[in-house]
Every structure is written in C-alpha cells, then in structure tokens.
Amino acid sequence: MFANERVIIRKINGRFLLYEVPWQKGNVNLKNKPIELDKIFFPQINLINYLSRKKRVDTCAFILNQSFHTFWDKITMEKTLNVIDKITCDTPCYNLQFVPDKTALKYLDLIEANNNVIK
C-alpha cells in the first residue's frame, strides 16, 4: 500500500493490519480489505532513488508524532507507546528517497528481486 494519508493500524491475531482512514472517503465503516504490515517506508522526493534502513528510535518518534496523542490519559498513552514499540521492533523501516516517476517502483522491484533488502 502506498498512502499519502493517515492509516489505521490494528493488531489482530498477532498481525498488524493497515486500513485506509474511512472518514477521508466519507465512509465511517472499515469496509476496505486490510493489508498486512510487513515494512514501512518514509518517502522523500529526491533527485535519485535511494533506500536506507531507518533507525528504530527515529521511527518511533515519527510514528508517535503522527498518531493521536493521549498525554492526558496515562494508561492509553502507555498502550500507544507499547504498540509503537512492537510495530518498530517487528517491522523493518526505511527512508525512501525517490525520483517522482516510474523509476522509483523499478528501483524497489530491483532491490526485492536481488534480495538485497526490504525484509
């Protein structure tokens, strides 16, 4: 899934699943088929296509910054931090610098085909 919007992440049966945010489409039900989270890319437009592993601490900070904050509720905040910790522990995260054309997808396909990274 390539998304330039927020997603909902749910843990079901030990797997993290991604859903599109329903209120962005005027639909309040999670009717879309979820996609299993197996890696996370943090994209940035650049002059070259380049992929590098993102540090876990940076990933945690970024995800926390993008999540709904519950600082006023200690129990819910702890649950949020635990989920972020588990996601970043189990899921490889990458900085993806890319040229905004079809070469970026070809670059990722080449890396996957050569088994170089993206696991």
PDB file of N, CA and C in Angstrom:
ATOM      1  N   MET A   1       0.855  -1.170   0.000  1.00  0.00           N
ATOM      2  CA  MET A   1       0.000   0.000   0.000  1.00  0.00           C
ATOM      3  C   MET A   1       0.893   1.222   0.000  1.00  0.00           C
ATOM      4  N   PHE A   2       0.680   2.079  -0.947  1.00  0.00           N
ATOM      5  CA  PHE A   2       1.300   3.390  -0.923  1.00  0.00           C
ATOM      6  C   PHE A   2       0.231   4.360  -0.482  1.00  0.00           C
ATOM      7  N   ALA A   3       0.499   5.098   0.558  1.00  0.00           N
ATOM      8  CA  ALA A   3      -0.505   6.018   1.072  1.00  0.00           C
ATOM      9  C   ALA A   3       0.151   7.348   1.387  1.00  0.00           C
ATOM     10  N   ASN A   4      -0.522   8.388   1.019  1.00  0.00           N
ATOM     11  CA  ASN A   4      -0.065   9.726   1.335  1.00  0.00           C
ATOM     12  C   ASN A   4      -1.028  10.345   2.345  1.00  0.00           C
ATOM     13  N   GLU A   5      -1.710   9.480   3.061  1.00  0.00           N
ATOM     14  CA  GLU A   5      -2.641   9.920   4.072  1.00  0.00           C
ATOM     15  C   GLU A   5      -2.464   9.053   5.302  1.00  0.00           C
ATOM     16  N   ARG A   6      -3.243   9.321   6.290  1.00  0.00           N
ATOM     17  CA  ARG A   6      -3.165   8.526   7.516  1.00  0.00           C
ATOM     18  C   ARG A   6      -3.811   7.165   7.303  1.00  0.00           C
ATOM     19  N   VAL A   7      -3.357   6.208   8.077  1.00  0.00           N
ATOM     20  CA  VAL A   7      -3.930   4.872   8.055  1.00  0.00           C
ATOM     21  C   VAL A   7      -4.257   4.466   9.490  1.00  0.00           C
ATOM     22  N   ILE A   8      -5.095   3.478   9.602  1.00  0.00           N
ATOM     23  CA  ILE A   8      -5.390   2.887  10.902  1.00  0.00           C
ATOM     24  C   ILE A   8      -4.616   1.577  10.967  1.00  0.00           C
ATOM     25  N   ILE A   9      -3.915   1.352  12.073  1.00  0.00           N
ATOM     26  CA  ILE A   9      -3.172   0.115  12.282  1.00  0.00           C
ATOM     27  C   ILE A   9      -3.838  -0.626  13.427  1.00  0.00           C
ATOM     28  N   ARG A  10      -4.224  -1.866  13.162  1.00  0.00           N
ATOM     29  CA  ARG A  10      -4.832  -2.715  14.193  1.00  0.00           C
ATOM     30  C   ARG A  10      -4.045  -4.015  14.285  1.00  0.00           C
ATOM     31  N   LYS A  11      -3.915  -4.519  15.503  1.00  0.00           N
ATOM     32  CA  LYS A  11      -3.275  -5.816  15.695  1.00  0.00           C
ATOM     33  C   LYS A  11      -4.383  -6.849  15.888  1.00  0.00           C
ATOM     34  N   ILE A  12      -4.417  -7.805  14.962  1.00  0.00           N
ATOM     35  CA  ILE A  12      -5.422  -8.859  15.004  1.00  0.00           C
ATOM     36  C   ILE A  12      -4.711 -10.194  14.817  1.00  0.00           C
ATOM     37  N   ASN A  13      -4.938 -11.097  15.756  1.00  0.00           N
ATOM     38  CA  ASN A  13      -4.317 -12.425  15.713  1.00  0.00           C
ATOM     39  C   ASN A  13      -2.794 -12.350  15.548  1.00  0.00           C
ATOM     40  N   GLY A  14      -2.170 -11.414  16.255  1.00  0.00           N
ATOM     41  CA  GLY A  14      -0.719 -11.302  16.234  1.00  0.00           C
ATOM     42  C   GLY A  14      -0.136 -10.616  15.011  1.00  0.00           C
ATOM     43  N   ARG A  15      -1.000 -10.107  14.118  1.00  0.00           N
ATOM     44  CA  ARG A  15      -0.534  -9.438  12.898  1.00  0.00           C
ATOM     45  C   ARG A  15      -1.005  -7.984  12.911  1.00  0.00           C
ATOM     46  N   PHE A  16      -0.137  -7.090  12.437  1.00  0.00           N
ATOM     47  CA  PHE A  16      -0.526  -5.699  12.281  1.00  0.00           C
ATOM     48  C   PHE A  16      -1.158  -5.523  10.904  1.00  0.00           C
ATOM     49  N   LEU A  17      -2.358  -4.962  10.887  1.00  0.00           N
ATOM     50  CA  LEU A  17      -3.099  -4.748   9.644  1.00  0.00           C
ATOM     51  C   LEU A  17      -3.334  -3.260   9.429  1.00  0.00           C
ATOM     52  N   LEU A  18      -3.225  -2.836   8.168  1.00  0.00           N
ATOM     53  CA  LEU A  18      -3.451  -1.443   7.791  1.00  0.00           C
ATOM     54  C   LEU A  18      -4.810  -1.298   7.126  1.00  0.00           C
ATOM     55  N   TYR A  19      -5.500  -0.241   7.509  1.00  0.00           N
ATOM     56  CA  TYR A  19      -6.767   0.123   6.886  1.00  0.00           C
ATOM     57  C   TYR A  19      -6.678   1.573   6.436  1.00  0.00           C
ATOM     58  N   GLU A  20      -7.345   1.881   5.339  1.00  0.00           N
ATOM     59  CA  GLU A  20      -7.459   3.280   4.953  1.00  0.00           C
ATOM     60  C   GLU A  20      -8.315   3.993   5.990  1.00  0.00           C
ATOM     61  N   VAL A  21      -8.052   5.272   6.197  1.00  0.00           N
ATOM     62  CA  VAL A  21      -8.848   6.055   7.140  1.00  0.00           C
ATOM     63  C   VAL A  21     -10.214   6.305   6.502  1.00  0.00           C
ATOM     64  N   PRO A  22     -11.298   5.795   7.126  1.00  0.00           N
ATOM     65  CA  PRO A  22     -12.604   5.854   6.480  1.00  0.00           C
ATOM     66  C   PRO A  22     -13.181   7.256   6.342  1.00  0.00           C
ATOM     67  N   TRP A  23     -12.906   8.154   7.268  1.00  0.00           N
ATOM     68  CA  TRP A  23     -13.528   9.467   7.188  1.00  0.00           C
ATOM     69  C   TRP A  23     -12.952  10.334   6.083  1.00  0.00           C
ATOM     70  N   GLN A  24     -11.839   9.939   5.500  1.00  0.00           N
ATOM     71  CA  GLN A  24     -11.314  10.695   4.368  1.00  0.00           C
ATOM     72  C   GLN A  24     -12.111  10.410   3.105  1.00  0.00           C
ATOM     73  N   LYS A  25     -12.843   9.343   3.084  1.00  0.00           N
ATOM     74  CA  LYS A  25     -13.625   8.979   1.915  1.00  0.00           C
ATOM     75  C   LYS A  25     -15.122   9.121   2.195  1.00  0.00           C
ATOM     76  N   GLY A  26     -15.472   9.712   3.331  1.00  0.00           N
ATOM     77  CA  GLY A  26     -16.870   9.893   3.677  1.00  0.00           C
ATOM     78  C   GLY A  26     -17.533   8.608   4.140  1.00  0.00           C
ATOM     79  N   ASN A  27     -16.751   7.588   4.473  1.00  0.00           N
ATOM     80  CA  ASN A  27     -17.279   6.303   4.893  1.00  0.00           C
ATOM     81  C   ASN A  27     -16.757   6.031   6.299  1.00  0.00           C
ATOM     82  N   VAL A  28     -17.644   5.778   7.238  1.00  0.00           N
ATOM     83  CA  VAL A  28     -17.199   5.581   8.615  1.00  0.00           C
ATOM     84  C   VAL A  28     -16.998   4.110   8.972  1.00  0.00           C
ATOM     85  N   ASN A  29     -17.221   3.202   8.053  1.00  0.00           N
ATOM     86  CA  ASN A  29     -17.013   1.777   8.308  1.00  0.00           C
ATOM     87  C   ASN A  29     -15.687   1.321   7.705  1.00  0.00           C
ATOM     88  N   LEU A  30     -15.047   0.355   8.361  1.00  0.00           N
ATOM     89  CA  LEU A  30     -13.815  -0.213   7.833  1.00  0.00           C
ATOM     90  C   LEU A  30     -14.178  -1.336   6.864  1.00  0.00           C
ATOM     91  N   LYS A  31     -14.655  -0.962   5.689  1.00  0.00           N
ATOM     92  CA  LYS A  31     -15.079  -1.953   4.700  1.00  0.00           C
ATOM     93  C   LYS A  31     -13.954  -2.368   3.770  1.00  0.00           C
ATOM     94  N   ASN A  32     -12.915  -1.563   3.684  1.00  0.00           N
ATOM     95  CA  ASN A  32     -11.805  -1.901   2.799  1.00  0.00           C
ATOM     96  C   ASN A  32     -11.048  -3.096   3.354  1.00  0.00           C
ATOM     97  N   LYS A  33     -10.555  -3.910   2.458  1.00  0.00           N
ATOM     98  CA  LYS A  33      -9.774  -5.070   2.869  1.00  0.00           C
ATOM     99  C   LYS A  33      -8.458  -4.580   3.465  1.00  0.00           C
ATOM    100  N   PRO A  34      -8.109  -5.058   4.656  1.00  0.00           N
ATOM    101  CA  PRO A  34      -6.853  -4.616   5.259  1.00  0.00           C
ATOM    102  C   PRO A  34      -5.652  -5.234   4.551  1.00  0.00           C
ATOM    103  N   ILE A  35      -4.529  -4.587   4.731  1.00  0.00           N
ATOM    104  CA  ILE A  35      -3.264  -5.070   4.178  1.00  0.00           C
ATOM    105  C   ILE A  35      -2.316  -5.312   5.348  1.00  0.00           C
ATOM    106  N   GLU A  36      -1.647  -6.467   5.353  1.00  0.00           N
ATOM    107  CA  GLU A  36      -0.729  -6.770   6.439  1.00  0.00           C
ATOM    108  C   GLU A  36       0.510  -5.879   6.351  1.00  0.00           C
ATOM    109  N   LEU A  37       0.898  -5.362   7.487  1.00  0.00           N
ATOM    110  CA  LEU A  37       2.075  -4.507   7.576  1.00  0.00           C
ATOM    111  C   LEU A  37       3.318  -5.380   7.641  1.00  0.00           C
ATOM    112  N   ASP A  38       4.188  -5.287   6.637  1.00  0.00           N
ATOM    113  CA  ASP A  38       5.422  -6.069   6.673  1.00  0.00           C
ATOM    114  C   ASP A  38       6.663  -5.194   6.574  1.00  0.00           C
ATOM    115  N   LYS A  39       6.500  -3.941   6.201  1.00  0.00           N
ATOM    116  CA  LYS A  39       7.591  -2.972   6.166  1.00  0.00           C
ATOM    117  C   LYS A  39       6.993  -1.580   6.062  1.00  0.00           C
ATOM    118  N   ILE A  40       7.776  -0.592   6.473  1.00  0.00           N
ATOM    119  CA  ILE A  40       7.322   0.798   6.420  1.00  0.00           C
ATOM    120  C   ILE A  40       8.366   1.619   5.680  1.00  0.00           C
ATOM    121  N   PHE A  41       7.889   2.430   4.755  1.00  0.00           N
ATOM    122  CA  PHE A  41       8.755   3.364   4.033  1.00  0.00           C
ATOM    123  C   PHE A  41       8.377   4.786   4.421  1.00  0.00           C
ATOM    124  N   PHE A  42       9.388   5.615   4.627  1.00  0.00           N
ATOM    125  CA  PHE A  42       9.189   7.034   4.871  1.00  0.00           C
ATOM    126  C   PHE A  42       9.721   7.766   3.640  1.00  0.00           C
ATOM    127  N   PRO A  43       8.832   8.120   2.721  1.00  0.00           N
ATOM    128  CA  PRO A  43       9.275   8.656   1.431  1.00  0.00           C
ATOM    129  C   PRO A  43       9.619  10.143   1.473  1.00  0.00           C
ATOM    130  N   GLN A  44      10.599  10.486   0.654  1.00  0.00           N
ATOM    131  CA  GLN A  44      11.002  11.871   0.427  1.00  0.00           C
ATOM    132  C   GLN A  44      11.377  12.007  -1.041  1.00  0.00           C
ATOM    133  N   ILE A  45      10.867  13.021  -1.680  1.00  0.00           N
ATOM    134  CA  ILE A  45      11.240  13.278  -3.071  1.00  0.00           C
ATOM    135  C   ILE A  45      12.700  13.708  -3.114  1.00  0.00           C
ATOM    136  N   ASN A  46      13.421  13.170  -4.107  1.00  0.00           N
ATOM    137  CA  ASN A  46      14.845  13.451  -4.228  1.00  0.00           C
ATOM    138  C   ASN A  46      15.229  13.386  -5.707  1.00  0.00           C
ATOM    139  N   LEU A  47      16.479  13.651  -5.998  1.00  0.00           N
ATOM    140  CA  LEU A  47      16.973  13.585  -7.372  1.00  0.00           C
ATOM    141  C   LEU A  47      17.415  12.184  -7.760  1.00  0.00           C
ATOM    142  N   ILE A  48      17.589  11.305  -6.764  1.00  0.00           N
ATOM    143  CA  ILE A  48      17.968   9.910  -7.023  1.00  0.00           C
ATOM    144  C   ILE A  48      17.062   8.988  -6.207  1.00  0.00           C
ATOM    145  N   ASN A  49      16.997   7.735  -6.618  1.00  0.00           N
ATOM    146  CA  ASN A  49      16.299   6.719  -5.843  1.00  0.00           C
ATOM    147  C   ASN A  49      17.311   6.085  -4.904  1.00  0.00           C
ATOM    148  N   TYR A  50      16.975   6.095  -3.604  1.00  0.00           N
ATOM    149  CA  TYR A  50      17.906   5.567  -2.611  1.00  0.00           C
ATOM    150  C   TYR A  50      17.114   5.054  -1.410  1.00  0.00           C
ATOM    151  N   LEU A  51      17.480   3.888  -0.939  1.00  0.00           N
ATOM    152  CA  LEU A  51      16.804   3.267   0.196  1.00  0.00           C
ATOM    153  C   LEU A  51      17.811   3.007   1.300  1.00  0.00           C
ATOM    154  N   SER A  52      17.468   3.388   2.537  1.00  0.00           N
ATOM    155  CA  SER A  52      18.345   3.108   3.675  1.00  0.00           C
ATOM    156  C   SER A  52      17.486   2.724   4.873  1.00  0.00           C
ATOM    157  N   ARG A  53      18.040   1.878   5.716  1.00  0.00           N
ATOM    158  CA  ARG A  53      17.319   1.439   6.912  1.00  0.00           C
ATOM    159  C   ARG A  53      17.188   2.614   7.868  1.00  0.00           C
ATOM    160  N   LYS A  54      16.033   2.807   8.422  1.00  0.00           N
ATOM    161  CA  LYS A  54      15.778   3.904   9.357  1.00  0.00           C
ATOM    162  C   LYS A  54      16.042   3.421  10.784  1.00  0.00           C
ATOM    163  N   LYS A  55      16.647   4.259  11.601  1.00  0.00           N
ATOM    164  CA  LYS A  55      16.901   3.916  12.992  1.00  0.00           C
ATOM    165  C   LYS A  55      15.574   3.756  13.731  1.00  0.00           C
ATOM    166  N   ARG A  56      15.537   2.773  14.589  1.00  0.00           N
ATOM    167  CA  ARG A  56      14.284   2.469  15.296  1.00  0.00           C
ATOM    168  C   ARG A  56      13.816   3.651  16.148  1.00  0.00           C
ATOM    169  N   VAL A  57      14.724   4.313  16.836  1.00  0.00           N
ATOM    170  CA  VAL A  57      14.336   5.441  17.684  1.00  0.00           C
ATOM    171  C   VAL A  57      13.718   6.560  16.845  1.00  0.00           C
ATOM    172  N   ASP A  58      14.259   6.802  15.651  1.00  0.00           N
ATOM    173  CA  ASP A  58      13.703   7.826  14.761  1.00  0.00           C
ATOM    174  C   ASP A  58      12.319   7.418  14.257  1.00  0.00           C
ATOM    175  N   THR A  59      12.167   6.130  13.980  1.00  0.00           N
ATOM    176  CA  THR A  59      10.885   5.622  13.524  1.00  0.00           C
ATOM    177  C   THR A  59       9.833   5.774  14.617  1.00  0.00           C
ATOM    178  N   CYS A  60      10.182   5.414  15.844  1.00  0.00           N
ATOM    179  CA  CYS A  60       9.241   5.550  16.966  1.00  0.00           C
ATOM    180  C   CYS A  60       8.798   7.005  17.131  1.00  0.00           C
ATOM    181  N   ALA A  61       9.755   7.918  17.087  1.00  0.00           N
ATOM    182  CA  ALA A  61       9.442   9.342  17.248  1.00  0.00           C
ATOM    183  C   ALA A  61       8.521   9.831  16.137  1.00  0.00           C
ATOM    184  N   PHE A  62       8.782   9.410  14.903  1.00  0.00           N
ATOM    185  CA  PHE A  62       7.963   9.846  13.778  1.00  0.00           C
ATOM    186  C   PHE A  62       6.539   9.305  13.899  1.00  0.00           C
ATOM    187  N   ILE A  63       6.415   8.019  14.213  1.00  0.00           N
ATOM    188  CA  ILE A  63       5.076   7.428  14.330  1.00  0.00           C
ATOM    189  C   ILE A  63       4.311   8.070  15.486  1.00  0.00           C
ATOM    190  N   LEU A  64       4.969   8.299  16.600  1.00  0.00           N
ATOM    191  CA  LEU A  64       4.304   8.959  17.723  1.00  0.00           C
ATOM    192  C   LEU A  64       3.825  10.349  17.328  1.00  0.00           C
ATOM    193  N   ASN A  65       4.644  11.062  16.610  1.00  0.00           N
ATOM    194  CA  ASN A  65       4.279  12.405  16.160  1.00  0.00           C
ATOM    195  C   ASN A  65       3.058  12.377  15.235  1.00  0.00           C
ATOM    196  N   GLN A  66       2.885  11.309  14.481  1.00  0.00           N
ATOM    197  CA  GLN A  66       1.784  11.199  13.540  1.00  0.00           C
ATOM    198  C   GLN A  66       0.531  10.562  14.146  1.00  0.00           C
ATOM    199  N   SER A  67       0.623  10.085  15.373  1.00  0.00           N
ATOM    200  CA  SER A  67      -0.507   9.397  15.988  1.00  0.00           C
ATOM    201  C   SER A  67      -1.362  10.369  16.793  1.00  0.00           C
ATOM    202  N   PHE A  68      -2.518   9.877  17.204  1.00  0.00           N
ATOM    203  CA  PHE A  68      -3.374  10.665  18.092  1.00  0.00           C
ATOM    204  C   PHE A  68      -2.744  10.647  19.478  1.00  0.00           C
ATOM    205  N   HIS A  69      -2.480  11.809  20.020  1.00  0.00           N
ATOM    206  CA  HIS A  69      -1.808  11.897  21.308  1.00  0.00           C
ATOM    207  C   HIS A  69      -2.826  11.775  22.436  1.00  0.00           C
ATOM    208  N   THR A  70      -2.462  11.027  23.448  1.00  0.00           N
ATOM    209  CA  THR A  70      -3.328  10.825  24.611  1.00  0.00           C
ATOM    210  C   THR A  70      -2.542  11.097  25.886  1.00  0.00           C
ATOM    211  N   PHE A  71      -1.792  12.183  25.888  1.00  0.00           N
ATOM    212  CA  PHE A  71      -0.939  12.504  27.028  1.00  0.00           C
ATOM    213  C   PHE A  71      -1.742  12.653  28.321  1.00  0.00           C
ATOM    214  N   TRP A  72      -2.993  13.051  28.225  1.00  0.00           N
ATOM    215  CA  TRP A  72      -3.824  13.283  29.402  1.00  0.00           C
ATOM    216  C   TRP A  72      -4.292  11.970  30.044  1.00  0.00           C
ATOM    217  N   ASP A  73      -4.147  10.865  29.322  1.00  0.00           N
ATOM    218  CA  ASP A  73      -4.600   9.564  29.812  1.00  0.00           C
ATOM    219  C   ASP A  73      -3.395   8.626  29.860  1.00  0.00           C
ATOM    220  N   LYS A  74      -2.839   8.451  31.049  1.00  0.00           N
ATOM    221  CA  LYS A  74      -1.593   7.689  31.206  1.00  0.00           C
ATOM    222  C   LYS A  74      -1.719   6.259  30.679  1.00  0.00           C
ATOM    223  N   ILE A  75      -2.804   5.575  30.967  1.00  0.00           N
ATOM    224  CA  ILE A  75      -2.969   4.179  30.544  1.00  0.00           C
ATOM    225  C   ILE A  75      -3.024   4.078  29.026  1.00  0.00           C
ATOM    226  N   THR A  76      -3.801   4.941  28.394  1.00  0.00           N
ATOM    227  CA  THR A  76      -3.908   4.906  26.930  1.00  0.00           C
ATOM    228  C   THR A  76      -2.590   5.312  26.282  1.00  0.00           C
ATOM    229  N   MET A  77      -1.882   6.272  26.867  1.00  0.00           N
ATOM    230  CA  MET A  77      -0.588   6.682  26.328  1.00  0.00           C
ATOM    231  C   MET A  77       0.406   5.535  26.417  1.00  0.00           C
ATOM    232  N   GLU A  78       0.400   4.804  27.518  1.00  0.00           N
ATOM    233  CA  GLU A  78       1.293   3.649  27.646  1.00  0.00           C
ATOM    234  C   GLU A  78       0.961   2.581  26.607  1.00  0.00           C
ATOM    235  N   LYS A  79      -0.324   2.366  26.357  1.00  0.00           N
ATOM    236  CA  LYS A  79      -0.726   1.399  25.331  1.00  0.00           C
ATOM    237  C   LYS A  79      -0.255   1.853  23.957  1.00  0.00           C
ATOM    238  N   THR A  80      -0.394   3.144  23.681  1.00  0.00           N
ATOM    239  CA  THR A  80       0.057   3.687  22.398  1.00  0.00           C
ATOM    240  C   THR A  80       1.559   3.479  22.228  1.00  0.00           C
ATOM    241  N   LEU A  81       2.329   3.799  23.265  1.00  0.00           N
ATOM    242  CA  LEU A  81       3.783   3.622  23.199  1.00  0.00           C
ATOM    243  C   LEU A  81       4.162   2.151  23.050  1.00  0.00           C
ATOM    244  N   ASN A  82       3.430   1.269  23.707  1.00  0.00           N
ATOM    245  CA  ASN A  82       3.709  -0.165  23.577  1.00  0.00           C
ATOM    246  C   ASN A  82       3.430  -0.663  22.165  1.00  0.00           C
ATOM    247  N   VAL A  83       2.360  -0.180  21.547  1.00  0.00           N
ATOM    248  CA  VAL A  83       2.045  -0.576  20.168  1.00  0.00           C
ATOM    249  C   VAL A  83       3.128  -0.071  19.218  1.00  0.00           C
ATOM    250  N   ILE A  84       3.531   1.182  19.388  1.00  0.00           N
ATOM    251  CA  ILE A  84       4.594   1.738  18.541  1.00  0.00           C
ATOM    252  C   ILE A  84       5.881   0.943  18.733  1.00  0.00           C
ATOM    253  N   ASP A  85       6.199   0.589  19.969  1.00  0.00           N
ATOM    254  CA  ASP A  85       7.388  -0.210  20.251  1.00  0.00           C
ATOM    255  C   ASP A  85       7.317  -1.552  19.543  1.00  0.00           C
ATOM    256  N   LYS A  86       6.181  -2.214  19.612  1.00  0.00           N
ATOM    257  CA  LYS A  86       6.023  -3.530  18.989  1.00  0.00           C
ATOM    258  C   LYS A  86       6.095  -3.427  17.467  1.00  0.00           C
ATOM    259  N   ILE A  87       5.434  -2.406  16.895  1.00  0.00           N
ATOM    260  CA  ILE A  87       5.472  -2.227  15.438  1.00  0.00           C
ATOM    261  C   ILE A  87       6.911  -2.058  14.969  1.00  0.00           C
ATOM    262  N   THR A  88       7.661  -1.184  15.632  1.00  0.00           N
ATOM    263  CA  THR A  88       9.022  -0.889  15.179  1.00  0.00           C
ATOM    264  C   THR A  88       9.998  -2.013  15.503  1.00  0.00           C
ATOM    265  N   CYS A  89       9.658  -2.848  16.458  1.00  0.00           N
ATOM    266  CA  CYS A  89      10.503  -3.999  16.775  1.00  0.00           C
ATOM    267  C   CYS A  89      10.325  -5.095  15.724  1.00  0.00           C
ATOM    268  N   ASP A  90       9.092  -5.288  15.276  1.00  0.00           N
ATOM    269  CA  ASP A  90       8.760  -6.383  14.355  1.00  0.00           C
ATOM    270  C   ASP A  90       8.810  -6.006  12.876  1.00  0.00           C
ATOM    271  N   THR A  91       8.835  -4.718  12.582  1.00  0.00           N
ATOM    272  CA  THR A  91       8.677  -4.272  11.200  1.00  0.00           C
ATOM    273  C   THR A  91       9.888  -3.468  10.749  1.00  0.00           C
ATOM    274  N   PRO A  92      10.570  -3.895   9.687  1.00  0.00           N
ATOM    275  CA  PRO A  92      11.684  -3.081   9.174  1.00  0.00           C
ATOM    276  C   PRO A  92      11.170  -1.766   8.589  1.00  0.00           C
ATOM    277  N   CYS A  93      11.900  -0.702   8.847  1.00  0.00           N
ATOM    278  CA  CYS A  93      11.504   0.636   8.394  1.00  0.00           C
ATOM    279  C   CYS A  93      12.643   1.260   7.591  1.00  0.00           C
ATOM    280  N   TYR A  94      12.254   1.969   6.538  1.00  0.00           N
ATOM    281  CA  TYR A  94      13.236   2.505   5.599  1.00  0.00           C
ATOM    282  C   TYR A  94      12.954   3.957   5.254  1.00  0.00           C
ATOM    283  N   ASN A  95      14.020   4.708   5.057  1.00  0.00           N
ATOM    284  CA  ASN A  95      13.932   6.001   4.394  1.00  0.00           C
ATOM    285  C   ASN A  95      13.982   5.711   2.900  1.00  0.00           C
ATOM    286  N   LEU A  96      13.016   6.195   2.175  1.00  0.00           N
ATOM    287  CA  LEU A  96      12.984   6.010   0.727  1.00  0.00           C
ATOM    288  C   LEU A  96      13.056   7.377   0.069  1.00  0.00           C
ATOM    289  N   GLN A  97      14.211   7.660  -0.498  1.00  0.00           N
ATOM    290  CA  GLN A  97      14.355   8.872  -1.295  1.00  0.00           C
ATOM    291  C   GLN A  97      14.088   8.455  -2.733  1.00  0.00           C
ATOM    292  N   PHE A  98      13.225   9.206  -3.409  1.00  0.00           N
ATOM    293  CA  PHE A  98      12.819   8.750  -4.733  1.00  0.00           C
ATOM    294  C   PHE A  98      12.607   9.898  -5.711  1.00  0.00           C
ATOM    295  N   VAL A  99      12.825   9.552  -6.965  1.00  0.00           N
ATOM    296  CA  VAL A  99      12.507  10.448  -8.075  1.00  0.00           C
ATOM    297  C   VAL A  99      11.015  10.245  -8.354  1.00  0.00           C
ATOM    298  N   PRO A 100      10.230  11.305  -8.449  1.00  0.00           N
ATOM    299  CA  PRO A 100       8.781  11.132  -8.608  1.00  0.00           C
ATOM    300  C   PRO A 100       8.373  10.713 -10.029  1.00  0.00           C
ATOM    301  N   ASP A 101       8.826   9.542 -10.408  1.00  0.00           N
ATOM    302  CA  ASP A 101       8.430   8.966 -11.698  1.00  0.00           C
ATOM    303  C   ASP A 101       8.440   7.440 -11.552  1.00  0.00           C
ATOM    304  N   LYS A 102       8.301   6.715 -12.639  1.00  0.00           N
ATOM    305  CA  LYS A 102       8.210   5.257 -12.573  1.00  0.00           C
ATOM    306  C   LYS A 102       9.510   4.575 -12.151  1.00  0.00           C
ATOM    307  N   THR A 103      10.615   5.304 -12.157  1.00  0.00           N
ATOM    308  CA  THR A 103      11.892   4.678 -11.805  1.00  0.00           C
ATOM    309  C   THR A 103      11.934   4.256 -10.340  1.00  0.00           C
ATOM    310  N   ALA A 104      11.185   4.915  -9.480  1.00  0.00           N
ATOM    311  CA  ALA A 104      11.191   4.561  -8.056  1.00  0.00           C
ATOM    312  C   ALA A 104      10.647   3.146  -7.851  1.00  0.00           C
ATOM    313  N   LEU A 105       9.551   2.806  -8.496  1.00  0.00           N
ATOM    314  CA  LEU A 105       8.989   1.463  -8.370  1.00  0.00           C
ATOM    315  C   LEU A 105       9.919   0.423  -8.985  1.00  0.00           C
ATOM    316  N   LYS A 106      10.542   0.763 -10.107  1.00  0.00           N
ATOM    317  CA  LYS A 106      11.502  -0.148 -10.726  1.00  0.00           C
ATOM    318  C   LYS A 106      12.690  -0.378  -9.795  1.00  0.00           C
ATOM    319  N   TYR A 107      13.124   0.669  -9.115  1.00  0.00           N
ATOM    320  CA  TYR A 107      14.229   0.575  -8.157  1.00  0.00           C
ATOM    321  C   TYR A 107      13.872  -0.393  -7.029  1.00  0.00           C
ATOM    322  N   LEU A 108      12.682  -0.255  -6.458  1.00  0.00           N
ATOM    323  CA  LEU A 108      12.253  -1.148  -5.381  1.00  0.00           C
ATOM    324  C   LEU A 108      12.094  -2.586  -5.876  1.00  0.00           C
ATOM    325  N   ASP A 109      11.555  -2.756  -7.079  1.00  0.00           N
ATOM    326  CA  ASP A 109      11.437  -4.100  -7.655  1.00  0.00           C
ATOM    327  C   ASP A 109      12.803  -4.747  -7.827  1.00  0.00           C
ATOM    328  N   LEU A 110      13.786  -3.974  -8.273  1.00  0.00           N
ATOM    329  CA  LEU A 110      15.139  -4.492  -8.469  1.00  0.00           C
ATOM    330  C   LEU A 110      15.755  -4.929  -7.141  1.00  0.00           C
ATOM    331  N   ILE A 111      15.584  -4.128  -6.108  1.00  0.00           N
ATOM    332  CA  ILE A 111      16.112  -4.481  -4.793  1.00  0.00           C
ATOM    333  C   ILE A 111      15.449  -5.761  -4.295  1.00  0.00           C
ATOM    334  N   GLU A 112      14.143  -5.836  -4.422  1.00  0.00           N
ATOM    335  CA  GLU A 112      13.409  -7.028  -3.976  1.00  0.00           C
ATOM    336  C   GLU A 112      13.844  -8.255  -4.777  1.00  0.00           C
ATOM    337  N   ALA A 113      13.984  -8.114  -6.082  1.00  0.00           N
ATOM    338  CA  ALA A 113      14.373  -9.234  -6.934  1.00  0.00           C
ATOM    339  C   ALA A 113      15.772  -9.751  -6.599  1.00  0.00           C
ATOM    340  N   ASN A 114      16.664  -8.855  -6.232  1.00  0.00           N
ATOM    341  CA  ASN A 114      18.030  -9.240  -5.893  1.00  0.00           C
ATOM    342  C   ASN A 114      18.185  -9.641  -4.422  1.00  0.00           C
ATOM    343  N   ASN A 115      17.074  -9.590  -3.695  1.00  0.00           N
ATOM    344  CA  ASN A 115      17.080  -9.994  -2.289  1.00  0.00           C
ATOM    345  C   ASN A 115      18.055  -9.178  -1.457  1.00  0.00           C
ATOM    346  N   ASN A 116      18.261  -7.917  -1.832  1.00  0.00           N
ATOM    347  CA  ASN A 116      19.238  -7.076  -1.154  1.00  0.00           C
ATOM    348  C   ASN A 116      18.729  -6.530   0.180  1.00  0.00           C
ATOM    349  N   VAL A 117      17.462  -6.243   0.258  1.00  0.00           N
ATOM    350  CA  VAL A 117      16.893  -5.608   1.457  1.00  0.00           C
ATOM    351  C   VAL A 117      15.382  -5.770   1.381  1.00  0.00           C
ATOM    352  N   ILE A 118      14.673  -4.943   2.030  1.00  0.00           N
ATOM    353  CA  ILE A 118      13.202  -4.916   2.061  1.00  0.00           C
ATOM    354  C   ILE A 118      12.648  -6.207   2.653  1.00  0.00           C
ATOM    355  N   LYS A 119      13.130  -6.566   3.794  1.00  0.00           N
ATOM    356  CA  LYS A 119      12.586  -7.723   4.513  1.00  0.00           C
ATOM    357  C   LYS A 119      12.154  -7.315   5.873  1.00  0.00           C
TER     358      LYS A 119
END
